[in-house]
């Protein structure tokens, strides 16, 4: 699958996947969503992004999560 809104350039944010034409990383989009923001909230905060580009960032992340490596962290549980 190709992503028309997501690019990775070693000269921008050290090659992190970003939304094309911005310095907004896919990781930042996921952090916003994890904190309770909606796609609409994100587009309001970053008006140069489109709903389609934010949705594609989430889809991009989901494609890579499909190949995740789980690491068990042992320690105390609060």
PDB file of N, CA and C in Angstrom:
ATOM      1  N   UNK A   1       0.845  -1.177   0.000  1.00  0.00           N
ATOM      2  CA  UNK A   1       0.000   0.000   0.000  1.00  0.00           C
ATOM      3  C   UNK A   1       0.889   1.238   0.000  1.00  0.00           C
ATOM      4  N   UNK A   2       0.513   2.208  -0.792  1.00  0.00           N
ATOM      5  CA  UNK A   2       1.253   3.466  -0.815  1.00  0.00           C
ATOM      6  C   UNK A   2       0.482   4.519  -0.027  1.00  0.00           C
ATOM      7  N   UNK A   3       1.209   5.437   0.533  1.00  0.00           N
ATOM      8  CA  UNK A   3       0.638   6.505   1.333  1.00  0.00           C
ATOM      9  C   UNK A   3       0.992   7.826   0.679  1.00  0.00           C
ATOM     10  N   UNK A   4      -0.011   8.557   0.229  1.00  0.00           N
ATOM     11  CA  UNK A   4       0.271   9.809  -0.474  1.00  0.00           C
ATOM     12  C   UNK A   4       0.516  10.977   0.466  1.00  0.00           C
ATOM     13  N   UNK A   5       0.142  10.846   1.732  1.00  0.00           N
ATOM     14  CA  UNK A   5       0.314  11.942   2.687  1.00  0.00           C
ATOM     15  C   UNK A   5       1.467  11.725   3.657  1.00  0.00           C
ATOM     16  N   UNK A   6       2.073  10.553   3.659  1.00  0.00           N
ATOM     17  CA  UNK A   6       3.111  10.229   4.632  1.00  0.00           C
ATOM     18  C   UNK A   6       4.449  10.073   3.918  1.00  0.00           C
ATOM     19  N   UNK A   7       5.457  10.773   4.441  1.00  0.00           N
ATOM     20  CA  UNK A   7       6.801  10.650   3.882  1.00  0.00           C
ATOM     21  C   UNK A   7       7.798  10.449   5.026  1.00  0.00           C
ATOM     22  N   UNK A   8       8.970  10.004   4.661  1.00  0.00           N
ATOM     23  CA  UNK A   8      10.078   9.886   5.604  1.00  0.00           C
ATOM     24  C   UNK A   8      11.306  10.438   4.898  1.00  0.00           C
ATOM     25  N   UNK A   9      11.884  11.489   5.462  1.00  0.00           N
ATOM     26  CA  UNK A   9      13.044  12.156   4.871  1.00  0.00           C
ATOM     27  C   UNK A   9      14.095  12.280   5.962  1.00  0.00           C
ATOM     28  N   UNK A  10      15.300  11.743   5.740  1.00  0.00           N
ATOM     29  CA  UNK A  10      16.321  11.794   6.778  1.00  0.00           C
ATOM     30  C   UNK A  10      16.675  13.221   7.218  1.00  0.00           C
ATOM     31  N   UNK A  11      16.366  14.201   6.398  1.00  0.00           N
ATOM     32  CA  UNK A  11      16.661  15.591   6.745  1.00  0.00           C
ATOM     33  C   UNK A  11      15.548  16.256   7.556  1.00  0.00           C
ATOM     34  N   UNK A  12      14.428  15.563   7.748  1.00  0.00           N
ATOM     35  CA  UNK A  12      13.307  16.113   8.522  1.00  0.00           C
ATOM     36  C   UNK A  12      13.022  15.181   9.693  1.00  0.00           C
ATOM     37  N   UNK A  13      13.155  15.683  10.903  1.00  0.00           N
ATOM     38  CA  UNK A  13      12.902  14.909  12.132  1.00  0.00           C
ATOM     39  C   UNK A  13      13.645  13.572  12.138  1.00  0.00           C
ATOM     40  N   UNK A  14      14.857  13.584  11.605  1.00  0.00           N
ATOM     41  CA  UNK A  14      15.720  12.393  11.598  1.00  0.00           C
ATOM     42  C   UNK A  14      15.076  11.196  10.903  1.00  0.00           C
ATOM     43  N   UNK A  15      14.230  11.465   9.928  1.00  0.00           N
ATOM     44  CA  UNK A  15      13.639  10.381   9.149  1.00  0.00           C
ATOM     45  C   UNK A  15      12.359   9.792   9.706  1.00  0.00           C
ATOM     46  N   UNK A  16      11.835  10.374  10.797  1.00  0.00           N
ATOM     47  CA  UNK A  16      10.556   9.887  11.317  1.00  0.00           C
ATOM     48  C   UNK A  16       9.485  10.069  10.249  1.00  0.00           C
ATOM     49  N   UNK A  17       8.515   9.177  10.170  1.00  0.00           N
ATOM     50  CA  UNK A  17       7.404   9.378   9.234  1.00  0.00           C
ATOM     51  C   UNK A  17       6.609  10.619   9.653  1.00  0.00           C
ATOM     52  N   UNK A  18       6.362  11.478   8.682  1.00  0.00           N
ATOM     53  CA  UNK A  18       5.625  12.721   8.924  1.00  0.00           C
ATOM     54  C   UNK A  18       4.536  12.888   7.883  1.00  0.00           C
ATOM     55  N   UNK A  19       3.626  13.816   8.157  1.00  0.00           N
ATOM     56  CA  UNK A  19       2.636  14.199   7.155  1.00  0.00           C
ATOM     57  C   UNK A  19       3.322  15.153   6.188  1.00  0.00           C
ATOM     58  N   UNK A  20       3.246  14.818   4.915  1.00  0.00           N
ATOM     59  CA  UNK A  20       3.915  15.585   3.869  1.00  0.00           C
ATOM     60  C   UNK A  20       3.568  17.069   3.967  1.00  0.00           C
ATOM     61  N   UNK A  21       4.591  17.903   3.822  1.00  0.00           N
ATOM     62  CA  UNK A  21       4.390  19.341   3.853  1.00  0.00           C
ATOM     63  C   UNK A  21       4.336  19.921   5.252  1.00  0.00           C
ATOM     64  N   UNK A  22       4.665  19.090   6.237  1.00  0.00           N
ATOM     65  CA  UNK A  22       4.632  19.543   7.623  1.00  0.00           C
ATOM     66  C   UNK A  22       5.803  18.929   8.378  1.00  0.00           C
ATOM     67  N   UNK A  23       5.914  19.284   9.613  1.00  0.00           N
ATOM     68  CA  UNK A  23       6.858  18.626  10.518  1.00  0.00           C
ATOM     69  C   UNK A  23       6.064  17.895  11.607  1.00  0.00           C
ATOM     70  N   UNK A  24       4.853  17.489  11.255  1.00  0.00           N
ATOM     71  CA  UNK A  24       3.978  16.770  12.177  1.00  0.00           C
ATOM     72  C   UNK A  24       4.193  15.276  11.946  1.00  0.00           C
ATOM     73  N   UNK A  25       4.721  14.603  12.980  1.00  0.00           N
ATOM     74  CA  UNK A  25       5.027  13.180  12.834  1.00  0.00           C
ATOM     75  C   UNK A  25       3.789  12.316  13.073  1.00  0.00           C
ATOM     76  N   UNK A  26       3.844  11.130  12.516  1.00  0.00           N
ATOM     77  CA  UNK A  26       2.803  10.133  12.761  1.00  0.00           C
ATOM     78  C   UNK A  26       2.731   9.866  14.264  1.00  0.00           C
ATOM     79  N   UNK A  27       3.864   9.823  14.916  1.00  0.00           N
ATOM     80  CA  UNK A  27       3.906   9.599  16.356  1.00  0.00           C
ATOM     81  C   UNK A  27       3.140  10.687  17.101  1.00  0.00           C
ATOM     82  N   UNK A  28       3.289  11.943  16.706  1.00  0.00           N
ATOM     83  CA  UNK A  28       2.576  13.031  17.374  1.00  0.00           C
ATOM     84  C   UNK A  28       1.063  12.877  17.204  1.00  0.00           C
ATOM     85  N   UNK A  29       0.641  12.482  16.011  1.00  0.00           N
ATOM     86  CA  UNK A  29      -0.789  12.253  15.772  1.00  0.00           C
ATOM     87  C   UNK A  29      -1.304  11.174  16.726  1.00  0.00           C
ATOM     88  N   UNK A  30      -0.560  10.085  16.851  1.00  0.00           N
ATOM     89  CA  UNK A  30      -0.979   9.002  17.748  1.00  0.00           C
ATOM     90  C   UNK A  30      -1.005   9.458  19.201  1.00  0.00           C
ATOM     91  N   UNK A  31      -0.062  10.277  19.594  1.00  0.00           N
ATOM     92  CA  UNK A  31      -0.049  10.789  20.967  1.00  0.00           C
ATOM     93  C   UNK A  31      -1.280  11.657  21.237  1.00  0.00           C
ATOM     94  N   UNK A  32      -1.658  12.475  20.276  1.00  0.00           N
ATOM     95  CA  UNK A  32      -2.854  13.297  20.435  1.00  0.00           C
ATOM     96  C   UNK A  32      -4.089  12.423  20.587  1.00  0.00           C
ATOM     97  N   UNK A  33      -4.200  11.416  19.732  1.00  0.00           N
ATOM     98  CA  UNK A  33      -5.362  10.523  19.790  1.00  0.00           C
ATOM     99  C   UNK A  33      -5.370   9.758  21.108  1.00  0.00           C
ATOM    100  N   UNK A  34      -4.206   9.296  21.551  1.00  0.00           N
ATOM    101  CA  UNK A  34      -4.122   8.576  22.824  1.00  0.00           C
ATOM    102  C   UNK A  34      -4.515   9.463  24.000  1.00  0.00           C
ATOM    103  N   UNK A  35      -4.312  10.766  23.870  1.00  0.00           N
ATOM    104  CA  UNK A  35      -4.671  11.677  24.962  1.00  0.00           C
ATOM    105  C   UNK A  35      -6.141  12.083  24.910  1.00  0.00           C
ATOM    106  N   UNK A  36      -6.866  11.557  23.916  1.00  0.00           N
ATOM    107  CA  UNK A  36      -8.303  11.808  23.847  1.00  0.00           C
ATOM    108  C   UNK A  36      -8.744  12.750  22.747  1.00  0.00           C
ATOM    109  N   UNK A  37      -7.813  13.264  21.967  1.00  0.00           N
ATOM    110  CA  UNK A  37      -8.179  14.170  20.875  1.00  0.00           C
ATOM    111  C   UNK A  37      -8.830  13.397  19.736  1.00  0.00           C
ATOM    112  N   UNK A  38      -9.750  14.057  19.052  1.00  0.00           N
ATOM    113  CA  UNK A  38     -10.362  13.476  17.858  1.00  0.00           C
ATOM    114  C   UNK A  38      -9.591  13.974  16.634  1.00  0.00           C
ATOM    115  N   UNK A  39      -9.873  13.375  15.499  1.00  0.00           N
ATOM    116  CA  UNK A  39      -9.252  13.849  14.257  1.00  0.00           C
ATOM    117  C   UNK A  39      -9.637  15.305  14.027  1.00  0.00           C
ATOM    118  N   UNK A  40     -10.871  15.649  14.310  1.00  0.00           N
ATOM    119  CA  UNK A  40     -11.311  17.046  14.163  1.00  0.00           C
ATOM    120  C   UNK A  40     -10.518  17.977  15.072  1.00  0.00           C
ATOM    121  N   UNK A  41     -10.266  17.553  16.308  1.00  0.00           N
ATOM    122  CA  UNK A  41      -9.464  18.360  17.233  1.00  0.00           C
ATOM    123  C   UNK A  41      -8.071  18.625  16.664  1.00  0.00           C
ATOM    124  N   UNK A  42      -7.485  17.598  16.080  1.00  0.00           N
ATOM    125  CA  UNK A  42      -6.136  17.715  15.530  1.00  0.00           C
ATOM    126  C   UNK A  42      -6.120  18.688  14.364  1.00  0.00           C
ATOM    127  N   UNK A  43      -7.110  18.594  13.486  1.00  0.00           N
ATOM    128  CA  UNK A  43      -7.173  19.487  12.321  1.00  0.00           C
ATOM    129  C   UNK A  43      -7.422  20.933  12.756  1.00  0.00           C
ATOM    130  N   UNK A  44      -8.186  21.123  13.811  1.00  0.00           N
ATOM    131  CA  UNK A  44      -8.396  22.481  14.329  1.00  0.00           C
ATOM    132  C   UNK A  44      -7.076  23.040  14.868  1.00  0.00           C
ATOM    133  N   UNK A  45      -6.328  22.210  15.579  1.00  0.00           N
ATOM    134  CA  UNK A  45      -5.050  22.646  16.165  1.00  0.00           C
ATOM    135  C   UNK A  45      -3.985  22.869  15.095  1.00  0.00           C
ATOM    136  N   UNK A  46      -4.009  22.061  14.055  1.00  0.00           N
ATOM    137  CA  UNK A  46      -3.038  22.149  12.955  1.00  0.00           C
ATOM    138  C   UNK A  46      -3.807  22.334  11.647  1.00  0.00           C
ATOM    139  N   UNK A  47      -4.288  23.541  11.367  1.00  0.00           N
ATOM    140  CA  UNK A  47      -5.189  23.756  10.225  1.00  0.00           C
ATOM    141  C   UNK A  47      -4.565  23.468   8.852  1.00  0.00           C
ATOM    142  N   UNK A  48      -3.254  23.353   8.796  1.00  0.00           N
ATOM    143  CA  UNK A  48      -2.624  23.019   7.511  1.00  0.00           C
ATOM    144  C   UNK A  48      -2.721  21.519   7.201  1.00  0.00           C
ATOM    145  N   UNK A  49      -3.219  20.732   8.164  1.00  0.00           N
ATOM    146  CA  UNK A  49      -3.446  19.306   7.923  1.00  0.00           C
ATOM    147  C   UNK A  49      -4.884  19.088   7.484  1.00  0.00           C
ATOM    148  N   UNK A  50      -5.088  18.062   6.689  1.00  0.00           N
ATOM    149  CA  UNK A  50      -6.449  17.700   6.288  1.00  0.00           C
ATOM    150  C   UNK A  50      -6.912  16.488   7.094  1.00  0.00           C
ATOM    151  N   UNK A  51      -8.203  16.316   7.153  1.00  0.00           N
ATOM    152  CA  UNK A  51      -8.763  15.132   7.806  1.00  0.00           C
ATOM    153  C   UNK A  51      -8.189  13.879   7.156  1.00  0.00           C
ATOM    154  N   UNK A  52      -8.103  13.886   5.844  1.00  0.00           N
ATOM    155  CA  UNK A  52      -7.588  12.725   5.112  1.00  0.00           C
ATOM    156  C   UNK A  52      -6.139  12.419   5.505  1.00  0.00           C
ATOM    157  N   UNK A  53      -5.303  13.444   5.653  1.00  0.00           N
ATOM    158  CA  UNK A  53      -3.902  13.193   5.998  1.00  0.00           C
ATOM    159  C   UNK A  53      -3.770  12.655   7.420  1.00  0.00           C
ATOM    160  N   UNK A  54      -4.592  13.132   8.338  1.00  0.00           N
ATOM    161  CA  UNK A  54      -4.545  12.635   9.715  1.00  0.00           C
ATOM    162  C   UNK A  54      -5.034  11.187   9.757  1.00  0.00           C
ATOM    163  N   UNK A  55      -6.090  10.890   9.054  1.00  0.00           N
ATOM    164  CA  UNK A  55      -6.572   9.499   8.994  1.00  0.00           C
ATOM    165  C   UNK A  55      -5.515   8.584   8.392  1.00  0.00           C
ATOM    166  N   UNK A  56      -4.831   9.070   7.369  1.00  0.00           N
ATOM    167  CA  UNK A  56      -3.799   8.256   6.743  1.00  0.00           C
ATOM    168  C   UNK A  56      -2.635   8.020   7.702  1.00  0.00           C
ATOM    169  N   UNK A  57      -2.324   8.981   8.548  1.00  0.00           N
ATOM    170  CA  UNK A  57      -1.272   8.792   9.548  1.00  0.00           C
ATOM    171  C   UNK A  57      -1.634   7.659  10.495  1.00  0.00           C
ATOM    172  N   UNK A  58      -2.893   7.602  10.907  1.00  0.00           N
ATOM    173  CA  UNK A  58      -3.358   6.529  11.792  1.00  0.00           C
ATOM    174  C   UNK A  58      -3.303   5.185  11.062  1.00  0.00           C
ATOM    175  N   UNK A  59      -3.721   5.164   9.819  1.00  0.00           N
ATOM    176  CA  UNK A  59      -3.667   3.933   9.026  1.00  0.00           C
ATOM    177  C   UNK A  59      -2.218   3.471   8.853  1.00  0.00           C
ATOM    178  N   UNK A  60      -1.331   4.418   8.570  1.00  0.00           N
ATOM    179  CA  UNK A  60       0.096   4.110   8.422  1.00  0.00           C
ATOM    180  C   UNK A  60       0.612   3.425   9.693  1.00  0.00           C
ATOM    181  N   UNK A  61       0.311   4.013  10.831  1.00  0.00           N
ATOM    182  CA  UNK A  61       0.754   3.446  12.108  1.00  0.00           C
ATOM    183  C   UNK A  61       0.173   2.053  12.323  1.00  0.00           C
ATOM    184  N   UNK A  62      -1.085   1.861  11.952  1.00  0.00           N
ATOM    185  CA  UNK A  62      -1.714   0.556  12.155  1.00  0.00           C
ATOM    186  C   UNK A  62      -1.065  -0.527  11.289  1.00  0.00           C
ATOM    187  N   UNK A  63      -0.597  -0.155  10.119  1.00  0.00           N
ATOM    188  CA  UNK A  63       0.066  -1.138   9.245  1.00  0.00           C
ATOM    189  C   UNK A  63       1.357  -1.633   9.884  1.00  0.00           C
ATOM    190  N   UNK A  64       2.072  -0.742  10.557  1.00  0.00           N
ATOM    191  CA  UNK A  64       3.323  -1.133  11.181  1.00  0.00           C
ATOM    192  C   UNK A  64       3.102  -1.816  12.522  1.00  0.00           C
ATOM    193  N   UNK A  65       2.023  -1.511  13.206  1.00  0.00           N
ATOM    194  CA  UNK A  65       1.704  -2.176  14.463  1.00  0.00           C
ATOM    195  C   UNK A  65       1.373  -3.642  14.217  1.00  0.00           C
ATOM    196  N   UNK A  66       0.958  -3.958  13.006  1.00  0.00           N
ATOM    197  CA  UNK A  66       0.645  -5.337  12.649  1.00  0.00           C
ATOM    198  C   UNK A  66       1.882  -6.223  12.735  1.00  0.00           C
ATOM    199  N   UNK A  67       3.068  -5.607  12.674  1.00  0.00           N
ATOM    200  CA  UNK A  67       4.324  -6.349  12.705  1.00  0.00           C
ATOM    201  C   UNK A  67       5.121  -6.002  13.961  1.00  0.00           C
ATOM    202  N   UNK A  68       4.395  -5.727  15.021  1.00  0.00           N
ATOM    203  CA  UNK A  68       5.041  -5.297  16.247  1.00  0.00           C
ATOM    204  C   UNK A  68       5.817  -6.418  16.923  1.00  0.00           C
ATOM    205  N   UNK A  69       6.761  -6.012  17.730  1.00  0.00           N
ATOM    206  CA  UNK A  69       7.512  -6.925  18.565  1.00  0.00           C
ATOM    207  C   UNK A  69       7.153  -6.569  19.995  1.00  0.00           C
ATOM    208  N   UNK A  70       6.634  -7.524  20.733  1.00  0.00           N
ATOM    209  CA  UNK A  70       6.246  -7.282  22.111  1.00  0.00           C
ATOM    210  C   UNK A  70       7.411  -7.572  23.036  1.00  0.00           C
ATOM    211  N   UNK A  71       7.657  -6.648  23.939  1.00  0.00           N
ATOM    212  CA  UNK A  71       8.723  -6.810  24.914  1.00  0.00           C
ATOM    213  C   UNK A  71       8.087  -6.798  26.286  1.00  0.00           C
ATOM    214  N   UNK A  72       8.293  -7.871  27.035  1.00  0.00           N
ATOM    215  CA  UNK A  72       7.731  -7.950  28.363  1.00  0.00           C
ATOM    216  C   UNK A  72       8.604  -7.133  29.315  1.00  0.00           C
ATOM    217  N   UNK A  73       7.967  -6.252  30.059  1.00  0.00           N
ATOM    218  CA  UNK A  73       8.678  -5.439  31.033  1.00  0.00           C
ATOM    219  C   UNK A  73       8.298  -5.955  32.406  1.00  0.00           C
ATOM    220  N   UNK A  74       9.286  -6.400  33.151  1.00  0.00           N
ATOM    221  CA  UNK A  74       9.031  -6.920  34.484  1.00  0.00           C
ATOM    222  C   UNK A  74       9.360  -5.847  35.504  1.00  0.00           C
ATOM    223  N   UNK A  75       8.561  -5.765  36.515  1.00  0.00           N
ATOM    224  CA  UNK A  75       8.784  -4.779  37.552  1.00  0.00           C
ATOM    225  C   UNK A  75       7.594  -4.733  38.473  1.00  0.00           C
ATOM    226  N   UNK A  76       7.615  -3.770  39.341  1.00  0.00           N
ATOM    227  CA  UNK A  76       6.533  -3.622  40.283  1.00  0.00           C
ATOM    228  C   UNK A  76       5.319  -3.031  39.603  1.00  0.00           C
ATOM    229  N   UNK A  77       4.171  -3.514  40.022  1.00  0.00           N
ATOM    230  CA  UNK A  77       2.910  -2.971  39.522  1.00  0.00           C
ATOM    231  C   UNK A  77       2.351  -2.104  40.638  1.00  0.00           C
ATOM    232  N   UNK A  78       1.988  -0.879  40.293  1.00  0.00           N
ATOM    233  CA  UNK A  78       1.475   0.047  41.313  1.00  0.00           C
ATOM    234  C   UNK A  78       0.047  -0.268  41.658  1.00  0.00           C
TER     235      UNK A  78
END
